[in-house]
Amino acid sequence: MSTFNSADIAAFNGGVWVFCEQRQGTMMPTSFELISEGRKLADELGTKLYGILLGHNIEGIAKELGGYGADKVLVCESPLLAVYNTDAYAKVICDVIEDLKPAAFLIGATNIGRDL
């Protein structure tokens, strides 16, 4: 178990983040549900709501998330992310968390979400 001092906790001010799951270029319904719930949490915390979307040729579907309350969507686009792979997706997500330090990170309880 890790412990954090107040300086460490203060570093986690990067908003509420939601892993937005897509399959073959189609957004999964759980992504929209999580964005809606994440919006409520972000509002309570007085912070922004961000989505993170991984895949290939997915830039167009990212726009759908704004209508559900996302302030911004980070699109991680690569042919290596075209098909879900635990190691590749976990690496990208961990790097984003380390760099941007979200206050909360939400992942759906789908097969992919539970694997991550």
PDB file of N, CA and C in Angstrom:
ATOM      1  N   MET A   1       0.843  -1.175   0.000  1.00  0.00           N
ATOM      2  CA  MET A   1       0.000   0.000   0.000  1.00  0.00           C
ATOM      3  C   MET A   1       0.889   1.239   0.000  1.00  0.00           C
ATOM      4  N   SER A   2       0.541   2.204  -0.822  1.00  0.00           N
ATOM      5  CA  SER A   2       1.297   3.452  -0.894  1.00  0.00           C
ATOM      6  C   SER A   2       0.650   4.505  -0.020  1.00  0.00           C
ATOM      7  N   THR A   3       1.477   5.378   0.505  1.00  0.00           N
ATOM      8  CA  THR A   3       0.950   6.535   1.225  1.00  0.00           C
ATOM      9  C   THR A   3       1.402   7.782   0.493  1.00  0.00           C
ATOM     10  N   PHE A   4       0.607   8.831   0.590  1.00  0.00           N
ATOM     11  CA  PHE A   4       0.907  10.065  -0.103  1.00  0.00           C
ATOM     12  C   PHE A   4       0.884  11.209   0.895  1.00  0.00           C
ATOM     13  N   ASN A   5       1.805  12.134   0.737  1.00  0.00           N
ATOM     14  CA  ASN A   5       1.713  13.351   1.542  1.00  0.00           C
ATOM     15  C   ASN A   5       0.893  14.368   0.768  1.00  0.00           C
ATOM     16  N   SER A   6       0.607  15.508   1.364  1.00  0.00           N
ATOM     17  CA  SER A   6      -0.267  16.493   0.725  1.00  0.00           C
ATOM     18  C   SER A   6       0.303  16.998  -0.601  1.00  0.00           C
ATOM     19  N   ALA A   7       1.611  17.084  -0.731  1.00  0.00           N
ATOM     20  CA  ALA A   7       2.214  17.529  -1.992  1.00  0.00           C
ATOM     21  C   ALA A   7       1.957  16.503  -3.090  1.00  0.00           C
ATOM     22  N   ASP A   8       2.032  15.204  -2.736  1.00  0.00           N
ATOM     23  CA  ASP A   8       1.756  14.161  -3.723  1.00  0.00           C
ATOM     24  C   ASP A   8       0.307  14.212  -4.179  1.00  0.00           C
ATOM     25  N   ILE A   9      -0.610  14.350  -3.231  1.00  0.00           N
ATOM     26  CA  ILE A   9      -2.030  14.380  -3.560  1.00  0.00           C
ATOM     27  C   ILE A   9      -2.348  15.603  -4.404  1.00  0.00           C
ATOM     28  N   ALA A  10      -1.741  16.737  -4.111  1.00  0.00           N
ATOM     29  CA  ALA A  10      -1.988  17.961  -4.869  1.00  0.00           C
ATOM     30  C   ALA A  10      -1.575  17.813  -6.336  1.00  0.00           C
ATOM     31  N   ALA A  11      -0.631  16.918  -6.616  1.00  0.00           N
ATOM     32  CA  ALA A  11      -0.186  16.716  -7.990  1.00  0.00           C
ATOM     33  C   ALA A  11      -1.283  16.073  -8.845  1.00  0.00           C
ATOM     34  N   PHE A  12      -2.229  15.380  -8.207  1.00  0.00           N
ATOM     35  CA  PHE A  12      -3.294  14.709  -8.935  1.00  0.00           C
ATOM     36  C   PHE A  12      -4.464  15.667  -9.128  1.00  0.00           C
ATOM     37  N   ASN A  13      -4.270  16.616 -10.031  1.00  0.00           N
ATOM     38  CA  ASN A  13      -5.288  17.631 -10.268  1.00  0.00           C
ATOM     39  C   ASN A  13      -5.705  17.682 -11.728  1.00  0.00           C
ATOM     40  N   GLY A  14      -5.474  16.618 -12.443  1.00  0.00           N
ATOM     41  CA  GLY A  14      -5.717  16.594 -13.878  1.00  0.00           C
ATOM     42  C   GLY A  14      -7.121  16.221 -14.280  1.00  0.00           C
ATOM     43  N   GLY A  15      -8.090  16.436 -13.413  1.00  0.00           N
ATOM     44  CA  GLY A  15      -9.480  16.194 -13.774  1.00  0.00           C
ATOM     45  C   GLY A  15      -9.905  14.750 -13.602  1.00  0.00           C
ATOM     46  N   VAL A  16     -11.100  14.476 -14.096  1.00  0.00           N
ATOM     47  CA  VAL A  16     -11.668  13.126 -14.091  1.00  0.00           C
ATOM     48  C   VAL A  16     -11.500  12.580 -15.504  1.00  0.00           C
ATOM     49  N   TRP A  17     -10.967  11.372 -15.600  1.00  0.00           N
ATOM     50  CA  TRP A  17     -10.716  10.738 -16.883  1.00  0.00           C
ATOM     51  C   TRP A  17     -11.557   9.488 -17.031  1.00  0.00           C
ATOM     52  N   VAL A  18     -12.011   9.231 -18.251  1.00  0.00           N
ATOM     53  CA  VAL A  18     -12.811   8.050 -18.558  1.00  0.00           C
ATOM     54  C   VAL A  18     -12.161   7.315 -19.727  1.00  0.00           C
ATOM     55  N   PHE A  19     -11.947   6.009 -19.542  1.00  0.00           N
ATOM     56  CA  PHE A  19     -11.488   5.163 -20.650  1.00  0.00           C
ATOM     57  C   PHE A  19     -12.702   4.914 -21.530  1.00  0.00           C
ATOM     58  N   CYS A  20     -12.626   5.358 -22.782  1.00  0.00           N
ATOM     59  CA  CYS A  20     -13.718   5.217 -23.737  1.00  0.00           C
ATOM     60  C   CYS A  20     -13.415   4.034 -24.655  1.00  0.00           C
ATOM     61  N   GLU A  21     -14.195   3.013 -24.492  1.00  0.00           N
ATOM     62  CA  GLU A  21     -13.931   1.764 -25.211  1.00  0.00           C
ATOM     63  C   GLU A  21     -14.639   1.764 -26.562  1.00  0.00           C
ATOM     64  N   GLN A  22     -13.884   1.420 -27.580  1.00  0.00           N
ATOM     65  CA  GLN A  22     -14.438   1.255 -28.921  1.00  0.00           C
ATOM     66  C   GLN A  22     -14.013  -0.102 -29.446  1.00  0.00           C
ATOM     67  N   ARG A  23     -14.813  -0.621 -30.327  1.00  0.00           N
ATOM     68  CA  ARG A  23     -14.473  -1.872 -31.009  1.00  0.00           C
ATOM     69  C   ARG A  23     -14.784  -1.697 -32.480  1.00  0.00           C
ATOM     70  N   GLN A  24     -13.771  -1.916 -33.288  1.00  0.00           N
ATOM     71  CA  GLN A  24     -13.887  -1.811 -34.746  1.00  0.00           C
ATOM     72  C   GLN A  24     -14.513  -0.481 -35.169  1.00  0.00           C
ATOM     73  N   GLY A  25     -14.106   0.596 -34.484  1.00  0.00           N
ATOM     74  CA  GLY A  25     -14.557   1.926 -34.854  1.00  0.00           C
ATOM     75  C   GLY A  25     -15.935   2.307 -34.351  1.00  0.00           C
ATOM     76  N   THR A  26     -16.515   1.486 -33.493  1.00  0.00           N
ATOM     77  CA  THR A  26     -17.827   1.778 -32.923  1.00  0.00           C
ATOM     78  C   THR A  26     -17.679   1.952 -31.424  1.00  0.00           C
ATOM     79  N   MET A  27     -18.183   3.070 -30.909  1.00  0.00           N
ATOM     80  CA  MET A  27     -18.110   3.346 -29.480  1.00  0.00           C
ATOM     81  C   MET A  27     -19.030   2.385 -28.735  1.00  0.00           C
ATOM     82  N   MET A  28     -18.529   1.822 -27.670  1.00  0.00           N
ATOM     83  CA  MET A  28     -19.334   0.935 -26.839  1.00  0.00           C
ATOM     84  C   MET A  28     -20.274   1.765 -25.957  1.00  0.00           C
ATOM     85  N   PRO A  29     -21.495   1.291 -25.732  1.00  0.00           N
ATOM     86  CA  PRO A  29     -22.466   2.044 -24.920  1.00  0.00           C
ATOM     87  C   PRO A  29     -21.953   2.386 -23.519  1.00  0.00           C
ATOM     88  N   THR A  30     -21.109   1.533 -22.948  1.00  0.00           N
ATOM     89  CA  THR A  30     -20.581   1.812 -21.607  1.00  0.00           C
ATOM     90  C   THR A  30     -19.763   3.111 -21.602  1.00  0.00           C
ATOM     91  N   SER A  31     -19.160   3.457 -22.712  1.00  0.00           N
ATOM     92  CA  SER A  31     -18.381   4.697 -22.780  1.00  0.00           C
ATOM     93  C   SER A  31     -19.277   5.906 -22.559  1.00  0.00           C
ATOM     94  N   PHE A  32     -20.451   5.900 -23.182  1.00  0.00           N
ATOM     95  CA  PHE A  32     -21.376   7.021 -23.026  1.00  0.00           C
ATOM     96  C   PHE A  32     -21.914   7.080 -21.595  1.00  0.00           C
ATOM     97  N   GLU A  33     -22.180   5.913 -21.014  1.00  0.00           N
ATOM     98  CA  GLU A  33     -22.654   5.867 -19.628  1.00  0.00           C
ATOM     99  C   GLU A  33     -21.592   6.416 -18.679  1.00  0.00           C
ATOM    100  N   LEU A  34     -20.346   6.005 -18.879  1.00  0.00           N
ATOM    101  CA  LEU A  34     -19.266   6.471 -18.010  1.00  0.00           C
ATOM    102  C   LEU A  34     -18.998   7.963 -18.180  1.00  0.00           C
ATOM    103  N   ILE A  35     -19.095   8.460 -19.400  1.00  0.00           N
ATOM    104  CA  ILE A  35     -18.907   9.894 -19.617  1.00  0.00           C
ATOM    105  C   ILE A  35     -19.990  10.661 -18.862  1.00  0.00           C
ATOM    106  N   SER A  36     -21.223  10.184 -18.914  1.00  0.00           N
ATOM    107  CA  SER A  36     -22.316  10.860 -18.200  1.00  0.00           C
ATOM    108  C   SER A  36     -22.079  10.850 -16.696  1.00  0.00           C
ATOM    109  N   GLU A  37     -21.663   9.718 -16.147  1.00  0.00           N
ATOM    110  CA  GLU A  37     -21.382   9.637 -14.710  1.00  0.00           C
ATOM    111  C   GLU A  37     -20.128  10.433 -14.355  1.00  0.00           C
ATOM    112  N   GLY A  38     -19.130  10.375 -15.219  1.00  0.00           N
ATOM    113  CA  GLY A  38     -17.909  11.148 -15.002  1.00  0.00           C
ATOM    114  C   GLY A  38     -18.182  12.638 -14.979  1.00  0.00           C
ATOM    115  N   ARG A  39     -19.143  13.086 -15.799  1.00  0.00           N
ATOM    116  CA  ARG A  39     -19.519  14.502 -15.825  1.00  0.00           C
ATOM    117  C   ARG A  39     -20.035  14.941 -14.456  1.00  0.00           C
ATOM    118  N   LYS A  40     -20.868  14.095 -13.840  1.00  0.00           N
ATOM    119  CA  LYS A  40     -21.403  14.405 -12.513  1.00  0.00           C
ATOM    120  C   LYS A  40     -20.272  14.505 -11.495  1.00  0.00           C
ATOM    121  N   LEU A  41     -19.339  13.555 -11.541  1.00  0.00           N
ATOM    122  CA  LEU A  41     -18.209  13.544 -10.609  1.00  0.00           C
ATOM    123  C   LEU A  41     -17.320  14.765 -10.826  1.00  0.00           C
ATOM    124  N   ALA A  42     -17.013  15.075 -12.078  1.00  0.00           N
ATOM    125  CA  ALA A  42     -16.166  16.236 -12.383  1.00  0.00           C
ATOM    126  C   ALA A  42     -16.822  17.526 -11.890  1.00  0.00           C
ATOM    127  N   ASP A  43     -18.128  17.632 -12.062  1.00  0.00           N
ATOM    128  CA  ASP A  43     -18.838  18.824 -11.595  1.00  0.00           C
ATOM    129  C   ASP A  43     -18.763  18.935 -10.071  1.00  0.00           C
ATOM    130  N   GLU A  44     -18.935  17.807  -9.383  1.00  0.00           N
ATOM    131  CA  GLU A  44     -18.837  17.808  -7.920  1.00  0.00           C
ATOM    132  C   GLU A  44     -17.447  18.235  -7.455  1.00  0.00           C
ATOM    133  N   LEU A  45     -16.427  17.800  -8.189  1.00  0.00           N
ATOM    134  CA  LEU A  45     -15.042  18.115  -7.827  1.00  0.00           C
ATOM    135  C   LEU A  45     -14.586  19.475  -8.359  1.00  0.00           C
ATOM    136  N   GLY A  46     -15.400  20.085  -9.199  1.00  0.00           N
ATOM    137  CA  GLY A  46     -15.028  21.370  -9.787  1.00  0.00           C
ATOM    138  C   GLY A  46     -13.869  21.262 -10.749  1.00  0.00           C
ATOM    139  N   THR A  47     -13.857  20.191 -11.553  1.00  0.00           N
ATOM    140  CA  THR A  47     -12.756  19.961 -12.479  1.00  0.00           C
ATOM    141  C   THR A  47     -13.300  19.604 -13.861  1.00  0.00           C
ATOM    142  N   LYS A  48     -12.417  19.364 -14.788  1.00  0.00           N
ATOM    143  CA  LYS A  48     -12.806  19.015 -16.157  1.00  0.00           C
ATOM    144  C   LYS A  48     -12.949  17.496 -16.307  1.00  0.00           C
ATOM    145  N   LEU A  49     -13.699  17.113 -17.334  1.00  0.00           N
ATOM    146  CA  LEU A  49     -13.894  15.704 -17.673  1.00  0.00           C
ATOM    147  C   LEU A  49     -13.210  15.419 -19.001  1.00  0.00           C
ATOM    148  N   TYR A  50     -12.358  14.420 -18.997  1.00  0.00           N
ATOM    149  CA  TYR A  50     -11.616  14.025 -20.184  1.00  0.00           C
ATOM    150  C   TYR A  50     -11.925  12.574 -20.527  1.00  0.00           C
ATOM    151  N   GLY A  51     -11.996  12.301 -21.806  1.00  0.00           N
ATOM    152  CA  GLY A  51     -12.092  10.930 -22.280  1.00  0.00           C
ATOM    153  C   GLY A  51     -10.757  10.550 -22.886  1.00  0.00           C
ATOM    154  N   ILE A  52     -10.426   9.277 -22.815  1.00  0.00           N
ATOM    155  CA  ILE A  52      -9.245   8.768 -23.516  1.00  0.00           C
ATOM    156  C   ILE A  52      -9.721   7.634 -24.410  1.00  0.00           C
ATOM    157  N   LEU A  53      -9.390   7.751 -25.677  1.00  0.00           N
ATOM    158  CA  LEU A  53      -9.854   6.826 -26.694  1.00  0.00           C
ATOM    159  C   LEU A  53      -8.642   6.272 -27.434  1.00  0.00           C
ATOM    160  N   LEU A  54      -8.517   4.957 -27.446  1.00  0.00           N
ATOM    161  CA  LEU A  54      -7.387   4.299 -28.095  1.00  0.00           C
ATOM    162  C   LEU A  54      -7.877   3.500 -29.284  1.00  0.00           C
ATOM    163  N   GLY A  55      -7.080   3.459 -30.349  1.00  0.00           N
ATOM    164  CA  GLY A  55      -7.414   2.653 -31.511  1.00  0.00           C
ATOM    165  C   GLY A  55      -6.723   3.164 -32.753  1.00  0.00           C
ATOM    166  N   HIS A  56      -7.285   2.794 -33.900  1.00  0.00           N
ATOM    167  CA  HIS A  56      -6.744   3.206 -35.194  1.00  0.00           C
ATOM    168  C   HIS A  56      -7.902   3.643 -36.071  1.00  0.00           C
ATOM    169  N   ASN A  57      -7.737   4.789 -36.749  1.00  0.00           N
ATOM    170  CA  ASN A  57      -8.795   5.378 -37.577  1.00  0.00           C
ATOM    171  C   ASN A  57     -10.050   5.657 -36.756  1.00  0.00           C
ATOM    172  N   ILE A  58      -9.869   6.280 -35.604  1.00  0.00           N
ATOM    173  CA  ILE A  58     -10.971   6.510 -34.672  1.00  0.00           C
ATOM    174  C   ILE A  58     -11.242   7.991 -34.414  1.00  0.00           C
ATOM    175  N   GLU A  59     -10.522   8.859 -35.080  1.00  0.00           N
ATOM    176  CA  GLU A  59     -10.648  10.293 -34.831  1.00  0.00           C
ATOM    177  C   GLU A  59     -12.102  10.752 -34.941  1.00  0.00           C
ATOM    178  N   GLY A  60     -12.834  10.227 -35.894  1.00  0.00           N
ATOM    179  CA  GLY A  60     -14.211  10.646 -36.121  1.00  0.00           C
ATOM    180  C   GLY A  60     -15.157  10.314 -34.984  1.00  0.00           C
ATOM    181  N   ILE A  61     -14.962   9.179 -34.328  1.00  0.00           N
ATOM    182  CA  ILE A  61     -15.910   8.805 -33.271  1.00  0.00           C
ATOM    183  C   ILE A  61     -15.660   9.549 -31.967  1.00  0.00           C
ATOM    184  N   ALA A  62     -14.518  10.182 -31.831  1.00  0.00           N
ATOM    185  CA  ALA A  62     -14.220  10.937 -30.610  1.00  0.00           C
ATOM    186  C   ALA A  62     -15.196  12.088 -30.427  1.00  0.00           C
ATOM    187  N   LYS A  63     -15.689  12.651 -31.529  1.00  0.00           N
ATOM    188  CA  LYS A  63     -16.594  13.796 -31.467  1.00  0.00           C
ATOM    189  C   LYS A  63     -17.907  13.441 -30.780  1.00  0.00           C
ATOM    190  N   GLU A  64     -18.306  12.173 -30.838  1.00  0.00           N
ATOM    191  CA  GLU A  64     -19.549  11.735 -30.209  1.00  0.00           C
ATOM    192  C   GLU A  64     -19.538  11.988 -28.707  1.00  0.00           C
ATOM    193  N   LEU A  65     -18.377  11.936 -28.098  1.00  0.00           N
ATOM    194  CA  LEU A  65     -18.275  12.012 -26.642  1.00  0.00           C
ATOM    195  C   LEU A  65     -18.580  13.394 -26.091  1.00  0.00           C
ATOM    196  N   GLY A  66     -18.345  14.423 -26.880  1.00  0.00           N
ATOM    197  CA  GLY A  66     -18.629  15.781 -26.432  1.00  0.00           C
ATOM    198  C   GLY A  66     -20.097  15.990 -26.115  1.00  0.00           C
ATOM    199  N   GLY A  67     -20.965  15.353 -26.872  1.00  0.00           N
ATOM    200  CA  GLY A  67     -22.395  15.464 -26.646  1.00  0.00           C
ATOM    201  C   GLY A  67     -22.852  14.833 -25.344  1.00  0.00           C
ATOM    202  N   TYR A  68     -22.009  13.999 -24.773  1.00  0.00           N
ATOM    203  CA  TYR A  68     -22.348  13.336 -23.514  1.00  0.00           C
ATOM    204  C   TYR A  68     -21.692  14.020 -22.317  1.00  0.00           C
ATOM    205  N   GLY A  69     -20.924  15.088 -22.569  1.00  0.00           N
ATOM    206  CA  GLY A  69     -20.390  15.867 -21.465  1.00  0.00           C
ATOM    207  C   GLY A  69     -18.889  15.938 -21.337  1.00  0.00           C
ATOM    208  N   ALA A  70     -18.138  15.272 -22.206  1.00  0.00           N
ATOM    209  CA  ALA A  70     -16.677  15.349 -22.119  1.00  0.00           C
ATOM    210  C   ALA A  70     -16.212  16.744 -22.517  1.00  0.00           C
ATOM    211  N   ASP A  71     -15.306  17.312 -21.707  1.00  0.00           N
ATOM    212  CA  ASP A  71     -14.720  18.605 -22.059  1.00  0.00           C
ATOM    213  C   ASP A  71     -13.700  18.443 -23.177  1.00  0.00           C
ATOM    214  N   LYS A  72     -12.923  17.386 -23.102  1.00  0.00           N
ATOM    215  CA  LYS A  72     -11.913  17.094 -24.119  1.00  0.00           C
ATOM    216  C   LYS A  72     -11.750  15.586 -24.220  1.00  0.00           C
ATOM    217  N   VAL A  73     -11.275  15.151 -25.380  1.00  0.00           N
ATOM    218  CA  VAL A  73     -10.995  13.735 -25.597  1.00  0.00           C
ATOM    219  C   VAL A  73      -9.582  13.608 -26.124  1.00  0.00           C
ATOM    220  N   LEU A  74      -8.797  12.793 -25.454  1.00  0.00           N
ATOM    221  CA  LEU A  74      -7.444  12.492 -25.907  1.00  0.00           C
ATOM    222  C   LEU A  74      -7.532  11.244 -26.780  1.00  0.00           C
ATOM    223  N   VAL A  75      -7.161  11.382 -28.043  1.00  0.00           N
ATOM    224  CA  VAL A  75      -7.194  10.264 -28.978  1.00  0.00           C
ATOM    225  C   VAL A  75      -5.779   9.741 -29.145  1.00  0.00           C
ATOM    226  N   CYS A  76      -5.607   8.485 -28.814  1.00  0.00           N
ATOM    227  CA  CYS A  76      -4.314   7.809 -28.985  1.00  0.00           C
ATOM    228  C   CYS A  76      -4.458   6.909 -30.203  1.00  0.00           C
ATOM    229  N   GLU A  77      -3.912   7.367 -31.303  1.00  0.00           N
ATOM    230  CA  GLU A  77      -4.111   6.766 -32.608  1.00  0.00           C
ATOM    231  C   GLU A  77      -2.841   6.052 -33.055  1.00  0.00           C
ATOM    232  N   SER A  78      -2.976   4.751 -33.364  1.00  0.00           N
ATOM    233  CA  SER A  78      -1.839   3.990 -33.877  1.00  0.00           C
ATOM    234  C   SER A  78      -2.342   2.678 -34.469  1.00  0.00           C
ATOM    235  N   PRO A  79      -1.703   2.218 -35.556  1.00  0.00           N
ATOM    236  CA  PRO A  79      -2.057   0.895 -36.072  1.00  0.00           C
ATOM    237  C   PRO A  79      -1.833  -0.202 -35.021  1.00  0.00           C
ATOM    238  N   LEU A  80      -0.911   0.040 -34.084  1.00  0.00           N
ATOM    239  CA  LEU A  80      -0.637  -0.944 -33.033  1.00  0.00           C
ATOM    240  C   LEU A  80      -1.789  -1.050 -32.026  1.00  0.00           C
ATOM    241  N   LEU A  81      -2.694  -0.070 -32.044  1.00  0.00           N
ATOM    242  CA  LEU A  81      -3.829  -0.068 -31.122  1.00  0.00           C
ATOM    243  C   LEU A  81      -5.140  -0.437 -31.824  1.00  0.00           C
ATOM    244  N   ALA A  82      -5.051  -0.888 -33.083  1.00  0.00           N
ATOM    245  CA  ALA A  82      -6.251  -1.195 -33.870  1.00  0.00           C
ATOM    246  C   ALA A  82      -7.089  -2.282 -33.207  1.00  0.00           C
ATOM    247  N   VAL A  83      -6.435  -3.297 -32.689  1.00  0.00           N
ATOM    248  CA  VAL A  83      -7.106  -4.399 -31.995  1.00  0.00           C
ATOM    249  C   VAL A  83      -6.640  -4.377 -30.555  1.00  0.00           C
ATOM    250  N   TYR A  84      -7.573  -4.568 -29.625  1.00  0.00           N
ATOM    251  CA  TYR A  84      -7.224  -4.515 -28.203  1.00  0.00           C
ATOM    252  C   TYR A  84      -6.108  -5.498 -27.876  1.00  0.00           C
ATOM    253  N   ASN A  85      -5.122  -4.986 -27.147  1.00  0.00           N
ATOM    254  CA  ASN A  85      -4.009  -5.771 -26.645  1.00  0.00           C
ATOM    255  C   ASN A  85      -3.713  -5.255 -25.240  1.00  0.00           C
ATOM    256  N   THR A  86      -3.742  -6.135 -24.260  1.00  0.00           N
ATOM    257  CA  THR A  86      -3.584  -5.720 -22.869  1.00  0.00           C
ATOM    258  C   THR A  86      -2.322  -4.900 -22.661  1.00  0.00           C
ATOM    259  N   ASP A  87      -1.184  -5.401 -23.113  1.00  0.00           N
ATOM    260  CA  ASP A  87       0.086  -4.719 -22.871  1.00  0.00           C
ATOM    261  C   ASP A  87       0.130  -3.337 -23.518  1.00  0.00           C
ATOM    262  N   ALA A  88      -0.298  -3.248 -24.760  1.00  0.00           N
ATOM    263  CA  ALA A  88      -0.244  -1.963 -25.472  1.00  0.00           C
ATOM    264  C   ALA A  88      -1.195  -0.943 -24.844  1.00  0.00           C
ATOM    265  N   TYR A  89      -2.424  -1.352 -24.590  1.00  0.00           N
ATOM    266  CA  TYR A  89      -3.400  -0.431 -23.999  1.00  0.00           C
ATOM    267  C   TYR A  89      -2.986  -0.018 -22.594  1.00  0.00           C
ATOM    268  N   ALA A  90      -2.521  -0.967 -21.787  1.00  0.00           N
ATOM    269  CA  ALA A  90      -2.094  -0.651 -20.417  1.00  0.00           C
ATOM    270  C   ALA A  90      -0.916   0.316 -20.427  1.00  0.00           C
ATOM    271  N   LYS A  91       0.021   0.147 -21.346  1.00  0.00           N
ATOM    272  CA  LYS A  91       1.183   1.029 -21.441  1.00  0.00           C
ATOM    273  C   LYS A  91       0.750   2.460 -21.754  1.00  0.00           C
ATOM    274  N   VAL A  92      -0.125   2.614 -22.728  1.00  0.00           N
ATOM    275  CA  VAL A  92      -0.585   3.950 -23.109  1.00  0.00           C
ATOM    276  C   VAL A  92      -1.337   4.595 -21.947  1.00  0.00           C
ATOM    277  N   ILE A  93      -2.232   3.855 -21.327  1.00  0.00           N
ATOM    278  CA  ILE A  93      -3.030   4.402 -20.225  1.00  0.00           C
ATOM    279  C   ILE A  93      -2.140   4.762 -19.036  1.00  0.00           C
ATOM    280  N   CYS A  94      -1.208   3.900 -18.690  1.00  0.00           N
ATOM    281  CA  CYS A  94      -0.298   4.201 -17.574  1.00  0.00           C
ATOM    282  C   CYS A  94       0.543   5.440 -17.865  1.00  0.00           C
ATOM    283  N   ASP A  95       1.010   5.578 -19.092  1.00  0.00           N
ATOM    284  CA  ASP A  95       1.785   6.765 -19.457  1.00  0.00           C
ATOM    285  C   ASP A  95       0.956   8.036 -19.321  1.00  0.00           C
ATOM    286  N   VAL A  96      -0.301   7.986 -19.761  1.00  0.00           N
ATOM    287  CA  VAL A  96      -1.181   9.144 -19.650  1.00  0.00           C
ATOM    288  C   VAL A  96      -1.418   9.491 -18.184  1.00  0.00           C
ATOM    289  N   ILE A  97      -1.674   8.485 -17.363  1.00  0.00           N
ATOM    290  CA  ILE A  97      -1.912   8.716 -15.934  1.00  0.00           C
ATOM    291  C   ILE A  97      -0.679   9.333 -15.280  1.00  0.00           C
ATOM    292  N   GLU A  98       0.498   8.811 -15.585  1.00  0.00           N
ATOM    293  CA  GLU A  98       1.729   9.365 -15.014  1.00  0.00           C
ATOM    294  C   GLU A  98       1.965  10.804 -15.452  1.00  0.00           C
ATOM    295  N   ASP A  99       1.692  11.102 -16.726  1.00  0.00           N
ATOM    296  CA  ASP A  99       1.952  12.439 -17.260  1.00  0.00           C
ATOM    297  C   ASP A  99       0.922  13.469 -16.814  1.00  0.00           C
ATOM    298  N   LEU A 100      -0.361  13.102 -16.853  1.00  0.00           N
ATOM    299  CA  LEU A 100      -1.425  14.082 -16.654  1.00  0.00           C
ATOM    300  C   LEU A 100      -2.081  14.020 -15.275  1.00  0.00           C
ATOM    301  N   LYS A 101      -1.799  12.984 -14.524  1.00  0.00           N
ATOM    302  CA  LYS A 101      -2.221  12.842 -13.128  1.00  0.00           C
ATOM    303  C   LYS A 101      -3.691  13.163 -12.877  1.00  0.00           C
ATOM    304  N   PRO A 102      -4.591  12.329 -13.395  1.00  0.00           N
ATOM    305  CA  PRO A 102      -6.011  12.563 -13.147  1.00  0.00           C
ATOM    306  C   PRO A 102      -6.360  12.380 -11.670  1.00  0.00           C
ATOM    307  N   ALA A 103      -7.395  13.099 -11.229  1.00  0.00           N
ATOM    308  CA  ALA A 103      -7.897  12.936  -9.861  1.00  0.00           C
ATOM    309  C   ALA A 103      -8.646  11.613  -9.746  1.00  0.00           C
ATOM    310  N   ALA A 104      -9.286  11.193 -10.842  1.00  0.00           N
ATOM    311  CA  ALA A 104     -10.015   9.921 -10.881  1.00  0.00           C
ATOM    312  C   ALA A 104      -9.932   9.378 -12.299  1.00  0.00           C
ATOM    313  N   PHE A 105      -9.930   8.062 -12.411  1.00  0.00           N
ATOM    314  CA  PHE A 105      -9.889   7.414 -13.717  1.00  0.00           C
ATOM    315  C   PHE A 105     -10.939   6.311 -13.713  1.00  0.00           C
ATOM    316  N   LEU A 106     -11.916   6.419 -14.589  1.00  0.00           N
ATOM    317  CA  LEU A 106     -13.025   5.470 -14.630  1.00  0.00           C
ATOM    318  C   LEU A 106     -12.871   4.525 -15.814  1.00  0.00           C
ATOM    319  N   ILE A 107     -13.062   3.232 -15.533  1.00  0.00           N
ATOM    320  CA  ILE A 107     -13.025   2.202 -16.574  1.00  0.00           C
ATOM    321  C   ILE A 107     -14.250   1.323 -16.367  1.00  0.00           C
ATOM    322  N   GLY A 108     -14.964   1.028 -17.442  1.00  0.00           N
ATOM    323  CA  GLY A 108     -16.165   0.192 -17.368  1.00  0.00           C
ATOM    324  C   GLY A 108     -15.835  -1.246 -17.003  1.00  0.00           C
ATOM    325  N   ALA A 109     -16.830  -1.946 -16.502  1.00  0.00           N
ATOM    326  CA  ALA A 109     -16.669  -3.342 -16.094  1.00  0.00           C
ATOM    327  C   ALA A 109     -16.980  -4.294 -17.244  1.00  0.00           C
ATOM    328  N   THR A 110     -16.512  -3.938 -18.441  1.00  0.00           N
ATOM    329  CA  THR A 110     -16.643  -4.812 -19.602  1.00  0.00           C
ATOM    330  C   THR A 110     -15.513  -5.833 -19.562  1.00  0.00           C
ATOM    331  N   ASN A 111     -15.481  -6.746 -20.504  1.00  0.00           N
ATOM    332  CA  ASN A 111     -14.370  -7.701 -20.565  1.00  0.00           C
ATOM    333  C   ASN A 111     -13.035  -6.987 -20.699  1.00  0.00           C
ATOM    334  N   ILE A 112     -12.975  -6.002 -21.586  1.00  0.00           N
ATOM    335  CA  ILE A 112     -11.732  -5.238 -21.780  1.00  0.00           C
ATOM    336  C   ILE A 112     -11.429  -4.402 -20.543  1.00  0.00           C
ATOM    337  N   GLY A 113     -12.424  -3.744 -20.006  1.00  0.00           N
ATOM    338  CA  GLY A 113     -12.226  -2.922 -18.811  1.00  0.00           C
ATOM    339  C   GLY A 113     -11.696  -3.733 -17.630  1.00  0.00           C
ATOM    340  N   ARG A 114     -12.267  -4.899 -17.406  1.00  0.00           N
ATOM    341  CA  ARG A 114     -11.800  -5.746 -16.302  1.00  0.00           C
ATOM    342  C   ARG A 114     -10.375  -6.238 -16.564  1.00  0.00           C
ATOM    343  N   ASP A 115     -10.057  -6.501 -17.832  1.00  0.00           N
ATOM    344  CA  ASP A 115      -8.702  -6.940 -18.178  1.00  0.00           C
ATOM    345  C   ASP A 115      -7.691  -5.836 -17.909  1.00  0.00           C
ATOM    346  N   LEU A 116      -8.047  -4.601 -18.265  1.00  0.00           N
ATOM    347  CA  LEU A 116      -7.137  -3.477 -18.020  1.00  0.00           C
ATOM    348  C   LEU A 116      -6.928  -3.285 -16.535  1.00  0.00           C
TER     349      LEU A 116
END
